[in-house]
Amino acid sequence: MATKKAAYVGKDCVACGNCVKYCRLSAITVHKGLYAAVDYSKCVGCGKCAEACPAGVIKCEERGSMPA
């Protein structure tokens, strides 16, 4: 069964790395200290990264509902 939700990182990401610490599946990485990116093949949409984001820029939404 396919996962219906996924995490999406907003453009105002501050690359603090909290999301990486809380993602149990290593689906999020911080690139060049500038932004976080989600590996959608690993993300199950649990929302732990969104809860850990101090900037509130990570959302768990239905897959395909957020702009790329």
C-alpha atoms as a PDB file:
ATOM      1  CA  MET A   1       0.000   0.000   0.000  1.00  0.00           C
ATOM      2  CA  ALA A   2       1.422   3.384  -0.986  1.00  0.00           C
ATOM      3  CA  THR A   3       1.901   6.118   1.583  1.00  0.00           C
ATOM      4  CA  LYS A   4      -0.634   8.890   1.101  1.00  0.00           C
ATOM      5  CA  LYS A   5       1.238  11.686   2.879  1.00  0.00           C
ATOM      6  CA  ALA A   6       4.703  13.158   2.558  1.00  0.00           C
ATOM      7  CA  ALA A   7       6.679  15.988   4.139  1.00  0.00           C
ATOM      8  CA  TYR A   8       7.211  19.147   2.146  1.00  0.00           C
ATOM      9  CA  VAL A   9       9.830  21.734   3.135  1.00  0.00           C
ATOM     10  CA  GLY A  10       8.915  25.383   2.556  1.00  0.00           C
ATOM     11  CA  LYS A  11      11.178  27.907   0.895  1.00  0.00           C
ATOM     12  CA  ASP A  12      11.902  29.658   4.206  1.00  0.00           C
ATOM     13  CA  CYS A  13      13.867  26.685   5.581  1.00  0.00           C
ATOM     14  CA  VAL A  14      16.777  27.838   7.759  1.00  0.00           C
ATOM     15  CA  ALA A  15      18.663  24.509   7.499  1.00  0.00           C
ATOM     16  CA  CYS A  16      18.908  24.063  11.280  1.00  0.00           C
ATOM     17  CA  GLY A  17      18.928  20.262  10.957  1.00  0.00           C
ATOM     18  CA  ASN A  18      16.236  19.499  13.562  1.00  0.00           C
ATOM     19  CA  CYS A  19      14.184  17.652  10.967  1.00  0.00           C
ATOM     20  CA  VAL A  20      17.139  15.399  10.156  1.00  0.00           C
ATOM     21  CA  LYS A  21      17.525  14.463  13.832  1.00  0.00           C
ATOM     22  CA  TYR A  22      13.876  13.482  14.201  1.00  0.00           C
ATOM     23  CA  CYS A  23      13.397  11.598  10.921  1.00  0.00           C
ATOM     24  CA  ARG A  24      13.688   7.916  11.854  1.00  0.00           C
ATOM     25  CA  LEU A  25      13.945   6.887   8.193  1.00  0.00           C
ATOM     26  CA  SER A  26      16.699   9.336   7.143  1.00  0.00           C
ATOM     27  CA  ALA A  27      14.358  10.792   4.528  1.00  0.00           C
ATOM     28  CA  ILE A  28      15.546  14.376   5.049  1.00  0.00           C
ATOM     29  CA  THR A  29      18.992  15.830   4.434  1.00  0.00           C
ATOM     30  CA  VAL A  30      20.371  19.353   4.681  1.00  0.00           C
ATOM     31  CA  HIS A  31      22.163  20.414   1.509  1.00  0.00           C
ATOM     32  CA  LYS A  32      25.178  22.707   1.676  1.00  0.00           C
ATOM     33  CA  GLY A  33      23.853  24.196   4.922  1.00  0.00           C
ATOM     34  CA  LEU A  34      21.220  26.063   2.921  1.00  0.00           C
ATOM     35  CA  TYR A  35      18.018  24.014   2.843  1.00  0.00           C
ATOM     36  CA  ALA A  36      16.489  20.682   3.757  1.00  0.00           C
ATOM     37  CA  ALA A  37      15.318  18.254   1.095  1.00  0.00           C
ATOM     38  CA  VAL A  38      13.025  15.239   1.358  1.00  0.00           C
ATOM     39  CA  ASP A  39      13.711  11.888  -0.290  1.00  0.00           C
ATOM     40  CA  TYR A  40      10.127  10.939  -1.184  1.00  0.00           C
ATOM     41  CA  SER A  41      11.064   7.308  -1.736  1.00  0.00           C
ATOM     42  CA  LYS A  42      11.837   7.082   2.013  1.00  0.00           C
ATOM     43  CA  CYS A  43       9.295   9.524   3.513  1.00  0.00           C
ATOM     44  CA  VAL A  44       6.200   7.944   5.080  1.00  0.00           C
ATOM     45  CA  GLY A  45       4.550  11.219   6.086  1.00  0.00           C
ATOM     46  CA  CYS A  46       4.706  10.576   9.853  1.00  0.00           C
ATOM     47  CA  GLY A  47       5.052  14.295  10.654  1.00  0.00           C
ATOM     48  CA  LYS A  48       7.906  14.014  13.174  1.00  0.00           C
ATOM     49  CA  CYS A  49      10.021  16.408  11.101  1.00  0.00           C
ATOM     50  CA  ALA A  50       7.192  18.956  10.966  1.00  0.00           C
ATOM     51  CA  GLU A  51       6.795  18.779  14.752  1.00  0.00           C
ATOM     52  CA  ALA A  52      10.545  19.363  15.192  1.00  0.00           C
ATOM     53  CA  CYS A  53      10.793  22.310  12.786  1.00  0.00           C
ATOM     54  CA  PRO A  54      11.290  25.518  14.821  1.00  0.00           C
ATOM     55  CA  ALA A  55      10.537  27.676  11.777  1.00  0.00           C
ATOM     56  CA  GLY A  56       7.274  25.832  11.053  1.00  0.00           C
ATOM     57  CA  VAL A  57       8.080  25.461   7.367  1.00  0.00           C
ATOM     58  CA  ILE A  58       7.657  21.682   7.069  1.00  0.00           C
ATOM     59  CA  LYS A  59       4.159  20.388   6.372  1.00  0.00           C
ATOM     60  CA  CYS A  60       2.868  16.873   5.888  1.00  0.00           C
ATOM     61  CA  GLU A  61       0.336  16.918   3.080  1.00  0.00           C
ATOM     62  CA  GLU A  62      -1.236  14.503   0.659  1.00  0.00           C
ATOM     63  CA  ARG A  63       1.336  13.465  -1.925  1.00  0.00           C
ATOM     64  CA  GLY A  64       1.121  15.663  -5.000  1.00  0.00           C
ATOM     65  CA  SER A  65      -0.876  18.421  -3.268  1.00  0.00           C
ATOM     66  CA  MET A  66       2.099  20.723  -2.749  1.00  0.00           C
ATOM     67  CA  PRO A  67       3.943  22.487  -5.575  1.00  0.00           C
ATOM     68  CA  ALA A  68       7.281  20.980  -6.585  1.00  0.00           C
END
